[in-house]
Amino acid sequence: MKRKYQYKNIKTNEVVEDFMTEEYVLNELGITIEPKGKNGEMTTQQLENIEETIDWFFSGNWIKEEVEE
């Protein structure tokens, strides 16, 4: 079974569920990404950059918590 996580802001108590992290972070940063792959998909580099951006964003005032199902 895949573990589920959420991020909780320690200052505002705002919660972002794991499946929403990419959309949330890109929206908060005002980033729009155009897929650069051959068939209109994201490239490996784009996916890695998005992952790193998400990690960076939540490294500040956020706590990663495991969610019970």
PDB file of N, CA and C in Angstrom:
ATOM      1  N   MET A   1       0.840  -1.184   0.000  1.00  0.00           N
ATOM      2  CA  MET A   1       0.000   0.000   0.000  1.00  0.00           C
ATOM      3  C   MET A   1       0.889   1.253   0.000  1.00  0.00           C
ATOM      4  N   LYS A   2       0.565   2.193  -0.858  1.00  0.00           N
ATOM      5  CA  LYS A   2       1.327   3.440  -0.959  1.00  0.00           C
ATOM      6  C   LYS A   2       0.981   4.343   0.221  1.00  0.00           C
ATOM      7  N   ARG A   3       2.011   4.902   0.820  1.00  0.00           N
ATOM      8  CA  ARG A   3       1.803   5.821   1.933  1.00  0.00           C
ATOM      9  C   ARG A   3       1.326   7.166   1.403  1.00  0.00           C
ATOM     10  N   LYS A   4       0.463   7.804   2.162  1.00  0.00           N
ATOM     11  CA  LYS A   4      -0.026   9.125   1.796  1.00  0.00           C
ATOM     12  C   LYS A   4       0.545  10.141   2.764  1.00  0.00           C
ATOM     13  N   TYR A   5       0.832  11.311   2.225  1.00  0.00           N
ATOM     14  CA  TYR A   5       1.409  12.387   3.020  1.00  0.00           C
ATOM     15  C   TYR A   5       0.635  13.673   2.815  1.00  0.00           C
ATOM     16  N   GLN A   6       0.852  14.569   3.726  1.00  0.00           N
ATOM     17  CA  GLN A   6       0.368  15.927   3.562  1.00  0.00           C
ATOM     18  C   GLN A   6       1.425  16.856   4.132  1.00  0.00           C
ATOM     19  N   TYR A   7       1.388  18.077   3.690  1.00  0.00           N
ATOM     20  CA  TYR A   7       2.290  19.092   4.208  1.00  0.00           C
ATOM     21  C   TYR A   7       1.459  20.093   4.987  1.00  0.00           C
ATOM     22  N   LYS A   8       1.926  20.455   6.181  1.00  0.00           N
ATOM     23  CA  LYS A   8       1.211  21.396   7.027  1.00  0.00           C
ATOM     24  C   LYS A   8       2.116  22.589   7.306  1.00  0.00           C
ATOM     25  N   ASN A   9       1.596  23.788   7.031  1.00  0.00           N
ATOM     26  CA  ASN A   9       2.348  25.007   7.274  1.00  0.00           C
ATOM     27  C   ASN A   9       2.359  25.289   8.769  1.00  0.00           C
ATOM     28  N   ILE A  10       3.554  25.444   9.357  1.00  0.00           N
ATOM     29  CA  ILE A  10       3.664  25.616  10.802  1.00  0.00           C
ATOM     30  C   ILE A  10       3.216  26.996  11.276  1.00  0.00           C
ATOM     31  N   LYS A  11       3.082  27.934  10.358  1.00  0.00           N
ATOM     32  CA  LYS A  11       2.640  29.281  10.738  1.00  0.00           C
ATOM     33  C   LYS A  11       1.140  29.476  10.549  1.00  0.00           C
ATOM     34  N   THR A  12       0.593  28.894   9.472  1.00  0.00           N
ATOM     35  CA  THR A  12      -0.817  29.149   9.142  1.00  0.00           C
ATOM     36  C   THR A  12      -1.717  27.937   9.340  1.00  0.00           C
ATOM     37  N   ASN A  13      -1.133  26.764   9.580  1.00  0.00           N
ATOM     38  CA  ASN A  13      -1.859  25.488   9.679  1.00  0.00           C
ATOM     39  C   ASN A  13      -2.518  25.065   8.374  1.00  0.00           C
ATOM     40  N   GLU A  14      -2.184  25.719   7.268  1.00  0.00           N
ATOM     41  CA  GLU A  14      -2.692  25.307   5.960  1.00  0.00           C
ATOM     42  C   GLU A  14      -2.162  23.912   5.650  1.00  0.00           C
ATOM     43  N   VAL A  15      -3.000  23.075   5.040  1.00  0.00           N
ATOM     44  CA  VAL A  15      -2.617  21.702   4.713  1.00  0.00           C
ATOM     45  C   VAL A  15      -2.722  21.504   3.205  1.00  0.00           C
ATOM     46  N   VAL A  16      -1.685  20.862   2.638  1.00  0.00           N
ATOM     47  CA  VAL A  16      -1.683  20.503   1.220  1.00  0.00           C
ATOM     48  C   VAL A  16      -1.471  19.000   1.143  1.00  0.00           C
ATOM     49  N   GLU A  17      -2.446  18.300   0.553  1.00  0.00           N
ATOM     50  CA  GLU A  17      -2.342  16.845   0.422  1.00  0.00           C
ATOM     51  C   GLU A  17      -1.353  16.492  -0.680  1.00  0.00           C
ATOM     52  N   ASP A  18      -0.743  15.309  -0.560  1.00  0.00           N
ATOM     53  CA  ASP A  18       0.341  14.907  -1.469  1.00  0.00           C
ATOM     54  C   ASP A  18      -0.040  14.974  -2.936  1.00  0.00           C
ATOM     55  N   PHE A  19      -1.258  14.614  -3.289  1.00  0.00           N
ATOM     56  CA  PHE A  19      -1.641  14.598  -4.707  1.00  0.00           C
ATOM     57  C   PHE A  19      -1.810  16.007  -5.281  1.00  0.00           C
ATOM     58  N   MET A  20      -1.833  17.020  -4.421  1.00  0.00           N
ATOM     59  CA  MET A  20      -2.020  18.400  -4.872  1.00  0.00           C
ATOM     60  C   MET A  20      -0.729  19.213  -4.847  1.00  0.00           C
ATOM     61  N   THR A  21       0.383  18.613  -4.418  1.00  0.00           N
ATOM     62  CA  THR A  21       1.601  19.403  -4.206  1.00  0.00           C
ATOM     63  C   THR A  21       2.104  20.087  -5.473  1.00  0.00           C
ATOM     64  N   GLU A  22       2.141  19.367  -6.578  1.00  0.00           N
ATOM     65  CA  GLU A  22       2.669  19.963  -7.813  1.00  0.00           C
ATOM     66  C   GLU A  22       1.833  21.158  -8.237  1.00  0.00           C
ATOM     67  N   GLU A  23       0.549  20.982  -8.325  1.00  0.00           N
ATOM     68  CA  GLU A  23      -0.340  22.069  -8.735  1.00  0.00           C
ATOM     69  C   GLU A  23      -0.250  23.245  -7.757  1.00  0.00           C
ATOM     70  N   TYR A  24      -0.232  22.946  -6.461  1.00  0.00           N
ATOM     71  CA  TYR A  24      -0.177  23.994  -5.443  1.00  0.00           C
ATOM     72  C   TYR A  24       1.096  24.824  -5.566  1.00  0.00           C
ATOM     73  N   VAL A  25       2.241  24.152  -5.608  1.00  0.00           N
ATOM     74  CA  VAL A  25       3.526  24.851  -5.647  1.00  0.00           C
ATOM     75  C   VAL A  25       3.667  25.684  -6.920  1.00  0.00           C
ATOM     76  N   LEU A  26       3.375  25.089  -8.070  1.00  0.00           N
ATOM     77  CA  LEU A  26       3.516  25.828  -9.325  1.00  0.00           C
ATOM     78  C   LEU A  26       2.590  27.042  -9.346  1.00  0.00           C
ATOM     79  N   ASN A  27       1.380  26.883  -8.818  1.00  0.00           N
ATOM     80  CA  ASN A  27       0.437  27.992  -8.745  1.00  0.00           C
ATOM     81  C   ASN A  27       0.931  29.086  -7.804  1.00  0.00           C
ATOM     82  N   GLU A  28       1.415  28.699  -6.626  1.00  0.00           N
ATOM     83  CA  GLU A  28       1.922  29.666  -5.653  1.00  0.00           C
ATOM     84  C   GLU A  28       3.111  30.450  -6.208  1.00  0.00           C
ATOM     85  N   LEU A  29       3.937  29.794  -6.991  1.00  0.00           N
ATOM     86  CA  LEU A  29       5.119  30.443  -7.560  1.00  0.00           C
ATOM     87  C   LEU A  29       4.832  31.129  -8.899  1.00  0.00           C
ATOM     88  N   GLY A  30       3.618  30.950  -9.422  1.00  0.00           N
ATOM     89  CA  GLY A  30       3.259  31.576 -10.691  1.00  0.00           C
ATOM     90  C   GLY A  30       3.967  30.966 -11.882  1.00  0.00           C
ATOM     91  N   ILE A  31       4.218  29.657 -11.804  1.00  0.00           N
ATOM     92  CA  ILE A  31       4.954  28.971 -12.864  1.00  0.00           C
ATOM     93  C   ILE A  31       3.986  28.177 -13.739  1.00  0.00           C
ATOM     94  N   THR A  32       4.076  28.402 -15.039  1.00  0.00           N
ATOM     95  CA  THR A  32       3.340  27.619 -16.023  1.00  0.00           C
ATOM     96  C   THR A  32       4.366  26.831 -16.819  1.00  0.00           C
ATOM     97  N   ILE A  33       4.133  25.545 -16.973  1.00  0.00           N
ATOM     98  CA  ILE A  33       5.108  24.703 -17.663  1.00  0.00           C
ATOM     99  C   ILE A  33       4.522  24.175 -18.960  1.00  0.00           C
ATOM    100  N   GLU A  34       5.257  24.384 -20.029  1.00  0.00           N
ATOM    101  CA  GLU A  34       4.882  23.847 -21.338  1.00  0.00           C
ATOM    102  C   GLU A  34       5.691  22.571 -21.558  1.00  0.00           C
ATOM    103  N   PRO A  35       5.018  21.437 -21.741  1.00  0.00           N
ATOM    104  CA  PRO A  35       5.742  20.182 -21.980  1.00  0.00           C
ATOM    105  C   PRO A  35       6.651  20.297 -23.198  1.00  0.00           C
ATOM    106  N   LYS A  36       7.882  19.813 -23.067  1.00  0.00           N
ATOM    107  CA  LYS A  36       8.873  19.923 -24.141  1.00  0.00           C
ATOM    108  C   LYS A  36       9.185  18.583 -24.811  1.00  0.00           C
ATOM    109  N   GLY A  37       8.491  17.510 -24.389  1.00  0.00           N
ATOM    110  CA  GLY A  37       8.752  16.197 -24.965  1.00  0.00           C
ATOM    111  C   GLY A  37       8.259  16.080 -26.392  1.00  0.00           C
ATOM    112  N   LYS A  38       8.712  15.040 -27.085  1.00  0.00           N
ATOM    113  CA  LYS A  38       8.364  14.814 -28.499  1.00  0.00           C
ATOM    114  C   LYS A  38       6.868  14.749 -28.736  1.00  0.00           C
ATOM    115  N   ASN A  39       6.152  14.073 -27.848  1.00  0.00           N
ATOM    116  CA  ASN A  39       4.717  13.856 -28.031  1.00  0.00           C
ATOM    117  C   ASN A  39       3.877  14.697 -27.079  1.00  0.00           C
ATOM    118  N   GLY A  40       4.398  15.847 -26.698  1.00  0.00           N
ATOM    119  CA  GLY A  40       3.648  16.750 -25.830  1.00  0.00           C
ATOM    120  C   GLY A  40       3.670  16.356 -24.366  1.00  0.00           C
ATOM    121  N   GLU A  41       4.625  15.515 -23.976  1.00  0.00           N
ATOM    122  CA  GLU A  41       4.724  15.123 -22.573  1.00  0.00           C
ATOM    123  C   GLU A  41       5.895  15.879 -21.927  1.00  0.00           C
ATOM    124  N   MET A  42       5.942  15.823 -20.613  1.00  0.00           N
ATOM    125  CA  MET A  42       7.044  16.445 -19.878  1.00  0.00           C
ATOM    126  C   MET A  42       8.318  15.643 -20.116  1.00  0.00           C
ATOM    127  N   THR A  43       9.429  16.324 -20.221  1.00  0.00           N
ATOM    128  CA  THR A  43      10.712  15.633 -20.351  1.00  0.00           C
ATOM    129  C   THR A  43      11.177  15.186 -18.965  1.00  0.00           C
ATOM    130  N   THR A  44      12.140  14.290 -18.941  1.00  0.00           N
ATOM    131  CA  THR A  44      12.708  13.833 -17.674  1.00  0.00           C
ATOM    132  C   THR A  44      13.270  15.018 -16.904  1.00  0.00           C
ATOM    133  N   GLN A  45      13.941  15.923 -17.599  1.00  0.00           N
ATOM    134  CA  GLN A  45      14.507  17.098 -16.940  1.00  0.00           C
ATOM    135  C   GLN A  45      13.417  17.973 -16.329  1.00  0.00           C
ATOM    136  N   GLN A  46      12.320  18.157 -17.058  1.00  0.00           N
ATOM    137  CA  GLN A  46      11.218  18.954 -16.517  1.00  0.00           C
ATOM    138  C   GLN A  46      10.662  18.304 -15.253  1.00  0.00           C
ATOM    139  N   LEU A  47      10.440  16.990 -15.292  1.00  0.00           N
ATOM    140  CA  LEU A  47       9.899  16.287 -14.131  1.00  0.00           C
ATOM    141  C   LEU A  47      10.836  16.379 -12.930  1.00  0.00           C
ATOM    142  N   GLU A  48      12.136  16.247 -13.177  1.00  0.00           N
ATOM    143  CA  GLU A  48      13.116  16.366 -12.096  1.00  0.00           C
ATOM    144  C   GLU A  48      13.123  17.782 -11.523  1.00  0.00           C
ATOM    145  N   ASN A  49      13.036  18.779 -12.390  1.00  0.00           N
ATOM    146  CA  ASN A  49      13.014  20.166 -11.924  1.00  0.00           C
ATOM    147  C   ASN A  49      11.766  20.470 -11.100  1.00  0.00           C
ATOM    148  N   ILE A  50      10.631  19.938 -11.513  1.00  0.00           N
ATOM    149  CA  ILE A  50       9.396  20.128 -10.750  1.00  0.00           C
ATOM    150  C   ILE A  50       9.539  19.487  -9.373  1.00  0.00           C
ATOM    151  N   GLU A  51      10.064  18.270  -9.324  1.00  0.00           N
ATOM    152  CA  GLU A  51      10.248  17.567  -8.055  1.00  0.00           C
ATOM    153  C   GLU A  51      11.170  18.358  -7.122  1.00  0.00           C
ATOM    154  N   GLU A  52      12.263  18.871  -7.658  1.00  0.00           N
ATOM    155  CA  GLU A  52      13.200  19.663  -6.856  1.00  0.00           C
ATOM    156  C   GLU A  52      12.554  20.963  -6.367  1.00  0.00           C
ATOM    157  N   THR A  53      11.739  21.571  -7.210  1.00  0.00           N
ATOM    158  CA  THR A  53      11.045  22.806  -6.822  1.00  0.00           C
ATOM    159  C   THR A  53      10.065  22.533  -5.689  1.00  0.00           C
ATOM    160  N   ILE A  54       9.347  21.422  -5.764  1.00  0.00           N
ATOM    161  CA  ILE A  54       8.413  21.043  -4.703  1.00  0.00           C
ATOM    162  C   ILE A  54       9.170  20.807  -3.397  1.00  0.00           C
ATOM    163  N   ASP A  55      10.264  20.061  -3.461  1.00  0.00           N
ATOM    164  CA  ASP A  55      11.081  19.816  -2.263  1.00  0.00           C
ATOM    165  C   ASP A  55      11.569  21.132  -1.660  1.00  0.00           C
ATOM    166  N   TRP A  56      12.042  22.028  -2.513  1.00  0.00           N
ATOM    167  CA  TRP A  56      12.522  23.325  -2.044  1.00  0.00           C
ATOM    168  C   TRP A  56      11.399  24.118  -1.384  1.00  0.00           C
ATOM    169  N   PHE A  57      10.236  24.179  -2.042  1.00  0.00           N
ATOM    170  CA  PHE A  57       9.115  24.969  -1.537  1.00  0.00           C
ATOM    171  C   PHE A  57       8.704  24.517  -0.143  1.00  0.00           C
ATOM    172  N   PHE A  58       8.597  23.217   0.052  1.00  0.00           N
ATOM    173  CA  PHE A  58       8.110  22.691   1.330  1.00  0.00           C
ATOM    174  C   PHE A  58       9.220  22.534   2.371  1.00  0.00           C
ATOM    175  N   SER A  59      10.439  22.966   2.060  1.00  0.00           N
ATOM    176  CA  SER A  59      11.534  22.837   3.017  1.00  0.00           C
ATOM    177  C   SER A  59      11.544  23.968   4.046  1.00  0.00           C
ATOM    178  N   GLY A  60      10.710  24.961   3.864  1.00  0.00           N
ATOM    179  CA  GLY A  60      10.691  26.111   4.765  1.00  0.00           C
ATOM    180  C   GLY A  60       9.789  25.897   5.969  1.00  0.00           C
ATOM    181  N   ASN A  61       8.632  26.506   5.947  1.00  0.00           N
ATOM    182  CA  ASN A  61       7.704  26.500   7.081  1.00  0.00           C
ATOM    183  C   ASN A  61       6.688  25.365   7.035  1.00  0.00           C
ATOM    184  N   TRP A  62       7.052  24.253   6.434  1.00  0.00           N
ATOM    185  CA  TRP A  62       6.125  23.143   6.260  1.00  0.00           C
ATOM    186  C   TRP A  62       6.659  21.887   6.937  1.00  0.00           C
ATOM    187  N   ILE A  63       5.736  21.084   7.457  1.00  0.00           N
ATOM    188  CA  ILE A  63       6.070  19.790   8.042  1.00  0.00           C
ATOM    189  C   ILE A  63       5.381  18.716   7.207  1.00  0.00           C
ATOM    190  N   LYS A  64       6.132  17.697   6.833  1.00  0.00           N
ATOM    191  CA  LYS A  64       5.566  16.576   6.077  1.00  0.00           C
ATOM    192  C   LYS A  64       5.037  15.566   7.084  1.00  0.00           C
ATOM    193  N   GLU A  65       3.752  15.230   6.961  1.00  0.00           N
ATOM    194  CA  GLU A  65       3.108  14.300   7.883  1.00  0.00           C
ATOM    195  C   GLU A  65       2.528  13.122   7.118  1.00  0.00           C
ATOM    196  N   GLU A  66       2.650  11.943   7.685  1.00  0.00           N
ATOM    197  CA  GLU A  66       2.026  10.761   7.087  1.00  0.00           C
ATOM    198  C   GLU A  66       0.554  10.774   7.474  1.00  0.00           C
ATOM    199  N   VAL A  67      -0.319  10.409   6.527  1.00  0.00           N
ATOM    200  CA  VAL A  67      -1.761  10.435   6.752  1.00  0.00           C
ATOM    201  C   VAL A  67      -2.259   9.000   6.936  1.00  0.00           C
ATOM    202  N   GLU A  68      -3.036   8.794   7.972  1.00  0.00           N
ATOM    203  CA  GLU A  68      -3.664   7.489   8.230  1.00  0.00           C
ATOM    204  C   GLU A  68      -4.850   7.309   7.275  1.00  0.00           C
ATOM    205  N   GLU A  69      -5.005   6.106   6.755  1.00  0.00           N
ATOM    206  CA  GLU A  69      -6.159   5.858   5.878  1.00  0.00           C
ATOM    207  C   GLU A  69      -7.215   5.080   6.611  1.00  0.00           C
TER     208      GLU A  69
END
